Amino acid sequence: NTTQNVINICAAARDRGGKKIKYMHDTHGPFVRLRRPSNKLPGWGRIVEICADECSNLGVVAQDEFSNVTVIRITQSDDWCNPNTVKWVSDQVTKYPGISIHGSLPCTPWTSWQMMNVFKKGEQYWEDLGKRRTTSRKMLESFIHVAAQVLYNGGEVSFEWPHNCSGWLLPELNAFV
């Protein structure tokens, strides 16, 4: 079970040496930051937006106000569910230590309105919602993996969902945060 593996690895890394550290895992097990954030790293000034709109505010402000910031948007057309897209971003993180990542994954499967929709639309809607939530969790898992790589390489990570989104209760997200 992927969720349980993430939780176990996060707990082991958190308890390592009695210090709270930023960490996650790759195929080799738990790790901590290799580099501290620094504007001397080659990726400094690069931000990858995951599941961003073509005209996201972050990207627009970065272009208009900060000439030394490059924003790379991974949009719906790039498809964050595609392993090739995730690998490309992961390769960018490796190539440019210090790069930062911002996650704006869809929150729709986790909104409070979904329970009202299940109540109104019935069992078929519940089954469809389950499929959308499975896809959402796969997207989140990919984000967490790349975000951990970013932290390891001295970058910064941010993530947004509305405060009342039930997705915040997912064990894998709580373990990472």
C-alpha atoms as a PDB file:
ATOM      1  CA  ASN A   1       0.000   0.000   0.000  1.00  0.00           C
ATOM      2  CA  THR A   2       1.642   3.191  -1.221  1.00  0.00           C
ATOM      3  CA  THR A   3      -0.020   5.419   1.375  1.00  0.00           C
ATOM      4  CA  GLN A   4       1.224   3.286   4.244  1.00  0.00           C
ATOM      5  CA  ASN A   5       4.732   3.157   2.768  1.00  0.00           C
ATOM      6  CA  VAL A   6       4.844   6.951   2.522  1.00  0.00           C
ATOM      7  CA  ILE A   7       3.603   7.291   6.110  1.00  0.00           C
ATOM      8  CA  ASN A   8       6.147   4.775   7.434  1.00  0.00           C
ATOM      9  CA  ILE A   9       9.071   6.366   5.611  1.00  0.00           C
ATOM     10  CA  CYS A  10       8.017   9.858   6.730  1.00  0.00           C
ATOM     11  CA  ALA A  11       7.706   8.748  10.341  1.00  0.00           C
ATOM     12  CA  ALA A  12      11.120   7.074  10.251  1.00  0.00           C
ATOM     13  CA  ALA A  13      12.750  10.140   8.753  1.00  0.00           C
ATOM     14  CA  ARG A  14      11.030  12.497  11.202  1.00  0.00           C
ATOM     15  CA  ASP A  15      12.256  10.481  14.186  1.00  0.00           C
ATOM     16  CA  ARG A  16      15.794  10.201  12.861  1.00  0.00           C
ATOM     17  CA  GLY A  17      18.112  11.850  15.360  1.00  0.00           C
ATOM     18  CA  GLY A  18      15.229  13.382  17.296  1.00  0.00           C
ATOM     19  CA  LYS A  19      15.080  16.310  14.862  1.00  0.00           C
ATOM     20  CA  LYS A  20      12.172  17.384  12.747  1.00  0.00           C
ATOM     21  CA  ILE A  21      13.532  17.497   9.249  1.00  0.00           C
ATOM     22  CA  LYS A  22      12.173  18.068   5.776  1.00  0.00           C
ATOM     23  CA  TYR A  23      12.328  14.823   3.913  1.00  0.00           C
ATOM     24  CA  MET A  24      10.550  12.305   1.795  1.00  0.00           C
ATOM     25  CA  HIS A  25      11.609   9.236  -0.077  1.00  0.00           C
ATOM     26  CA  ASP A  26      12.766   8.096  -3.419  1.00  0.00           C
ATOM     27  CA  THR A  27      13.464   4.558  -4.546  1.00  0.00           C
ATOM     28  CA  HIS A  28      16.474   4.452  -2.194  1.00  0.00           C
ATOM     29  CA  GLY A  29      14.632   5.250   1.055  1.00  0.00           C
ATOM     30  CA  PRO A  30      14.386   8.294   3.329  1.00  0.00           C
ATOM     31  CA  PHE A  31      16.520  11.332   2.823  1.00  0.00           C
ATOM     32  CA  VAL A  32      16.985  14.856   4.105  1.00  0.00           C
ATOM     33  CA  ARG A  33      17.940  18.075   2.352  1.00  0.00           C
ATOM     34  CA  LEU A  34      21.207  17.763   0.504  1.00  0.00           C
ATOM     35  CA  ARG A  35      21.454  21.529   0.118  1.00  0.00           C
ATOM     36  CA  ARG A  36      19.971  24.400   2.025  1.00  0.00           C
ATOM     37  CA  PRO A  37      17.951  26.963   0.029  1.00  0.00           C
ATOM     38  CA  SER A  38      20.308  29.474  -1.550  1.00  0.00           C
ATOM     39  CA  ASN A  39      20.246  31.941  -4.406  1.00  0.00           C
ATOM     40  CA  LYS A  40      23.623  30.509  -5.398  1.00  0.00           C
ATOM     41  CA  LEU A  41      22.082  27.259  -6.614  1.00  0.00           C
ATOM     42  CA  PRO A  42      21.552  27.012 -10.399  1.00  0.00           C
ATOM     43  CA  GLY A  43      17.797  26.485 -10.057  1.00  0.00           C
ATOM     44  CA  TRP A  44      17.231  29.573  -7.929  1.00  0.00           C
ATOM     45  CA  GLY A  45      14.674  31.820  -9.626  1.00  0.00           C
ATOM     46  CA  ARG A  46      12.934  28.905 -11.359  1.00  0.00           C
ATOM     47  CA  ILE A  47       9.462  27.851 -10.257  1.00  0.00           C
ATOM     48  CA  VAL A  48       7.486  24.912 -11.577  1.00  0.00           C
ATOM     49  CA  GLU A  49       3.730  25.306 -11.172  1.00  0.00           C
ATOM     50  CA  ILE A  50       1.952  21.964 -11.137  1.00  0.00           C
ATOM     51  CA  CYS A  51      -1.635  21.921 -12.492  1.00  0.00           C
ATOM     52  CA  ALA A  52      -1.521  25.641 -13.174  1.00  0.00           C
ATOM     53  CA  ASP A  53      -3.799  27.667 -15.371  1.00  0.00           C
ATOM     54  CA  GLU A  54      -2.254  28.993 -18.595  1.00  0.00           C
ATOM     55  CA  CYS A  55      -2.492  32.519 -17.121  1.00  0.00           C
ATOM     56  CA  SER A  56      -1.913  31.803 -13.425  1.00  0.00           C
ATOM     57  CA  ASN A  57      -1.437  34.808 -11.162  1.00  0.00           C
ATOM     58  CA  LEU A  58       1.864  33.432  -9.900  1.00  0.00           C
ATOM     59  CA  GLY A  59       3.229  33.211 -13.422  1.00  0.00           C
ATOM     60  CA  VAL A  60       1.870  36.581 -14.520  1.00  0.00           C
ATOM     61  CA  VAL A  61       3.275  38.439 -11.498  1.00  0.00           C
ATOM     62  CA  ALA A  62       6.612  36.654 -11.809  1.00  0.00           C
ATOM     63  CA  GLN A  63       6.907  37.690 -15.467  1.00  0.00           C
ATOM     64  CA  ASP A  64       5.767  41.257 -14.896  1.00  0.00           C
ATOM     65  CA  GLU A  65       7.617  42.046 -11.686  1.00  0.00           C
ATOM     66  CA  PHE A  66      10.680  39.818 -11.469  1.00  0.00           C
ATOM     67  CA  SER A  67      12.937  39.625 -14.489  1.00  0.00           C
ATOM     68  CA  ASN A  68      15.141  36.989 -12.834  1.00  0.00           C
ATOM     69  CA  VAL A  69      12.287  34.512 -12.214  1.00  0.00           C
ATOM     70  CA  THR A  70      11.288  31.834 -14.706  1.00  0.00           C
ATOM     71  CA  VAL A  71       7.940  30.098 -14.253  1.00  0.00           C
ATOM     72  CA  ILE A  72       7.355  26.732 -15.896  1.00  0.00           C
ATOM     73  CA  ARG A  73       3.665  25.864 -15.963  1.00  0.00           C
ATOM     74  CA  ILE A  74       2.447  22.283 -16.062  1.00  0.00           C
ATOM     75  CA  THR A  75      -1.107  22.775 -17.300  1.00  0.00           C
ATOM     76  CA  GLN A  76      -4.022  20.481 -17.999  1.00  0.00           C
ATOM     77  CA  SER A  77      -2.732  19.986 -21.552  1.00  0.00           C
ATOM     78  CA  ASP A  78       0.612  18.778 -20.134  1.00  0.00           C
ATOM     79  CA  ASP A  79      -1.276  16.203 -18.015  1.00  0.00           C
ATOM     80  CA  TRP A  80       0.257  15.721 -14.567  1.00  0.00           C
ATOM     81  CA  CYS A  81      -1.170  12.169 -14.607  1.00  0.00           C
ATOM     82  CA  ASN A  82       1.211  11.285 -17.428  1.00  0.00           C
ATOM     83  CA  PRO A  83       4.382   9.599 -16.086  1.00  0.00           C
ATOM     84  CA  ASN A  84       6.410  11.265 -18.854  1.00  0.00           C
ATOM     85  CA  THR A  85       5.373  14.720 -17.598  1.00  0.00           C
ATOM     86  CA  VAL A  86       6.291  13.795 -14.023  1.00  0.00           C
ATOM     87  CA  LYS A  87       9.641  12.427 -15.212  1.00  0.00           C
ATOM     88  CA  TRP A  88      10.342  15.603 -17.191  1.00  0.00           C
ATOM     89  CA  VAL A  89       9.704  17.750 -14.094  1.00  0.00           C
ATOM     90  CA  SER A  90      11.788  15.383 -11.978  1.00  0.00           C
ATOM     91  CA  ASP A  91      14.623  15.718 -14.507  1.00  0.00           C
ATOM     92  CA  GLN A  92      14.371  19.529 -14.289  1.00  0.00           C
ATOM     93  CA  VAL A  93      14.663  19.299 -10.499  1.00  0.00           C
ATOM     94  CA  THR A  94      17.812  17.215 -10.853  1.00  0.00           C
ATOM     95  CA  LYS A  95      19.257  19.487 -13.541  1.00  0.00           C
ATOM     96  CA  TYR A  96      18.562  22.706 -11.593  1.00  0.00           C
ATOM     97  CA  PRO A  97      19.173  22.250  -7.843  1.00  0.00           C
ATOM     98  CA  GLY A  98      17.390  25.003  -5.934  1.00  0.00           C
ATOM     99  CA  ILE A  99      14.358  25.030  -8.239  1.00  0.00           C
ATOM    100  CA  SER A 100      11.037  25.543  -6.444  1.00  0.00           C
ATOM    101  CA  ILE A 101       7.660  23.903  -6.989  1.00  0.00           C
ATOM    102  CA  HIS A 102       4.099  25.061  -6.393  1.00  0.00           C
ATOM    103  CA  GLY A 103       1.222  22.578  -6.394  1.00  0.00           C
ATOM    104  CA  SER A 104      -2.226  23.681  -7.396  1.00  0.00           C
ATOM    105  CA  LEU A 105      -3.766  20.235  -7.802  1.00  0.00           C
ATOM    106  CA  PRO A 106      -7.512  20.087  -8.490  1.00  0.00           C
ATOM    107  CA  CYS A 107      -9.483  20.061  -5.236  1.00  0.00           C
ATOM    108  CA  THR A 108     -12.898  19.306  -6.769  1.00  0.00           C
ATOM    109  CA  PRO A 109     -13.011  15.627  -5.702  1.00  0.00           C
ATOM    110  CA  TRP A 110     -12.415  16.731  -2.110  1.00  0.00           C
ATOM    111  CA  THR A 111     -14.837  19.648  -1.724  1.00  0.00           C
ATOM    112  CA  SER A 112     -17.646  19.515   0.809  1.00  0.00           C
ATOM    113  CA  TRP A 113     -20.189  19.744  -2.016  1.00  0.00           C
ATOM    114  CA  GLN A 114     -19.274  16.236  -3.114  1.00  0.00           C
ATOM    115  CA  MET A 115     -21.231  14.722  -0.234  1.00  0.00           C
ATOM    116  CA  MET A 116     -24.296  16.729  -1.251  1.00  0.00           C
ATOM    117  CA  ASN A 117     -23.855  15.493  -4.817  1.00  0.00           C
ATOM    118  CA  VAL A 118     -23.617  11.900  -3.581  1.00  0.00           C
ATOM    119  CA  PHE A 119     -26.807  12.405  -1.573  1.00  0.00           C
ATOM    120  CA  LYS A 120     -28.657  13.879  -4.578  1.00  0.00           C
ATOM    121  CA  LYS A 121     -27.243  11.716  -7.368  1.00  0.00           C
ATOM    122  CA  GLY A 122     -26.794   8.375  -5.663  1.00  0.00           C
ATOM    123  CA  GLU A 123     -24.550   5.358  -5.900  1.00  0.00           C
ATOM    124  CA  GLN A 124     -23.324   5.875  -9.467  1.00  0.00           C
ATOM    125  CA  TYR A 125     -22.065   9.341  -8.527  1.00  0.00           C
ATOM    126  CA  TRP A 126     -20.311   7.853  -5.483  1.00  0.00           C
ATOM    127  CA  GLU A 127     -18.528   5.345  -7.726  1.00  0.00           C
ATOM    128  CA  ASP A 128     -17.503   8.073 -10.188  1.00  0.00           C
ATOM    129  CA  LEU A 129     -16.281  10.234  -7.304  1.00  0.00           C
ATOM    130  CA  GLY A 130     -14.193   7.305  -6.074  1.00  0.00           C
ATOM    131  CA  LYS A 131     -12.481   7.107  -9.478  1.00  0.00           C
ATOM    132  CA  ARG A 132     -11.797  10.857  -9.478  1.00  0.00           C
ATOM    133  CA  ARG A 133     -10.390  10.632  -5.959  1.00  0.00           C
ATOM    134  CA  THR A 134      -8.120   7.766  -6.999  1.00  0.00           C
ATOM    135  CA  THR A 135      -6.790   9.906  -9.853  1.00  0.00           C
ATOM    136  CA  SER A 136      -6.365  12.834  -7.449  1.00  0.00           C
ATOM    137  CA  ARG A 137      -4.358  10.680  -5.044  1.00  0.00           C
ATOM    138  CA  LYS A 138      -2.092   9.521  -7.872  1.00  0.00           C
ATOM    139  CA  MET A 139      -1.500  13.161  -8.812  1.00  0.00           C
ATOM    140  CA  LEU A 140      -0.782  13.984  -5.174  1.00  0.00           C
ATOM    141  CA  GLU A 141       1.624  11.059  -4.889  1.00  0.00           C
ATOM    142  CA  SER A 142       3.536  12.317  -7.936  1.00  0.00           C
ATOM    143  CA  PHE A 143       3.589  15.830  -6.492  1.00  0.00           C
ATOM    144  CA  ILE A 144       4.899  14.605  -3.136  1.00  0.00           C
ATOM    145  CA  HIS A 145       7.631  12.587  -4.822  1.00  0.00           C
ATOM    146  CA  VAL A 146       8.833  15.556  -6.895  1.00  0.00           C
ATOM    147  CA  ALA A 147       8.379  17.972  -3.965  1.00  0.00           C
ATOM    148  CA  ALA A 148      10.601  15.774  -1.809  1.00  0.00           C
ATOM    149  CA  GLN A 149      13.217  15.829  -4.545  1.00  0.00           C
ATOM    150  CA  VAL A 150      12.953  19.646  -4.660  1.00  0.00           C
ATOM    151  CA  LEU A 151      13.480  19.903  -0.889  1.00  0.00           C
ATOM    152  CA  TYR A 152      16.384  17.499  -1.066  1.00  0.00           C
ATOM    153  CA  ASN A 153      18.055  19.689  -3.672  1.00  0.00           C
ATOM    154  CA  GLY A 154      17.633  22.950  -1.770  1.00  0.00           C
ATOM    155  CA  GLY A 155      14.431  24.235  -3.363  1.00  0.00           C
ATOM    156  CA  GLU A 156      11.188  25.395  -1.805  1.00  0.00           C
ATOM    157  CA  VAL A 157       7.750  23.754  -1.948  1.00  0.00           C
ATOM    158  CA  SER A 158       4.283  25.294  -1.687  1.00  0.00           C
ATOM    159  CA  PHE A 159       0.856  23.756  -2.126  1.00  0.00           C
ATOM    160  CA  GLU A 160      -2.651  25.152  -2.213  1.00  0.00           C
ATOM    161  CA  TRP A 161      -6.106  23.801  -1.520  1.00  0.00           C
ATOM    162  CA  PRO A 162      -9.001  25.563   0.198  1.00  0.00           C
ATOM    163  CA  HIS A 163      -8.816  25.248   3.987  1.00  0.00           C
ATOM    164  CA  ASN A 164     -12.037  23.223   4.182  1.00  0.00           C
ATOM    165  CA  CYS A 165     -11.026  20.742   1.486  1.00  0.00           C
ATOM    166  CA  SER A 166     -11.217  17.187   2.837  1.00  0.00           C
ATOM    167  CA  GLY A 167      -8.108  16.304   0.825  1.00  0.00           C
ATOM    168  CA  TRP A 168      -6.078  17.898   3.629  1.00  0.00           C
ATOM    169  CA  LEU A 169      -7.022  14.851   5.708  1.00  0.00           C
ATOM    170  CA  LEU A 170      -5.293  12.393   3.381  1.00  0.00           C
ATOM    171  CA  PRO A 171      -2.645  10.471   5.352  1.00  0.00           C
ATOM    172  CA  GLU A 172       0.001  10.806   2.643  1.00  0.00           C
ATOM    173  CA  LEU A 173      -0.369  14.598   2.541  1.00  0.00           C
ATOM    174  CA  ASN A 174      -0.311  14.885   6.334  1.00  0.00           C
ATOM    175  CA  ALA A 175       2.791  12.694   6.485  1.00  0.00           C
ATOM    176  CA  PHE A 176       4.563  14.925   3.998  1.00  0.00           C
ATOM    177  CA  VAL A 177       3.516  18.247   5.474  1.00  0.00           C
END
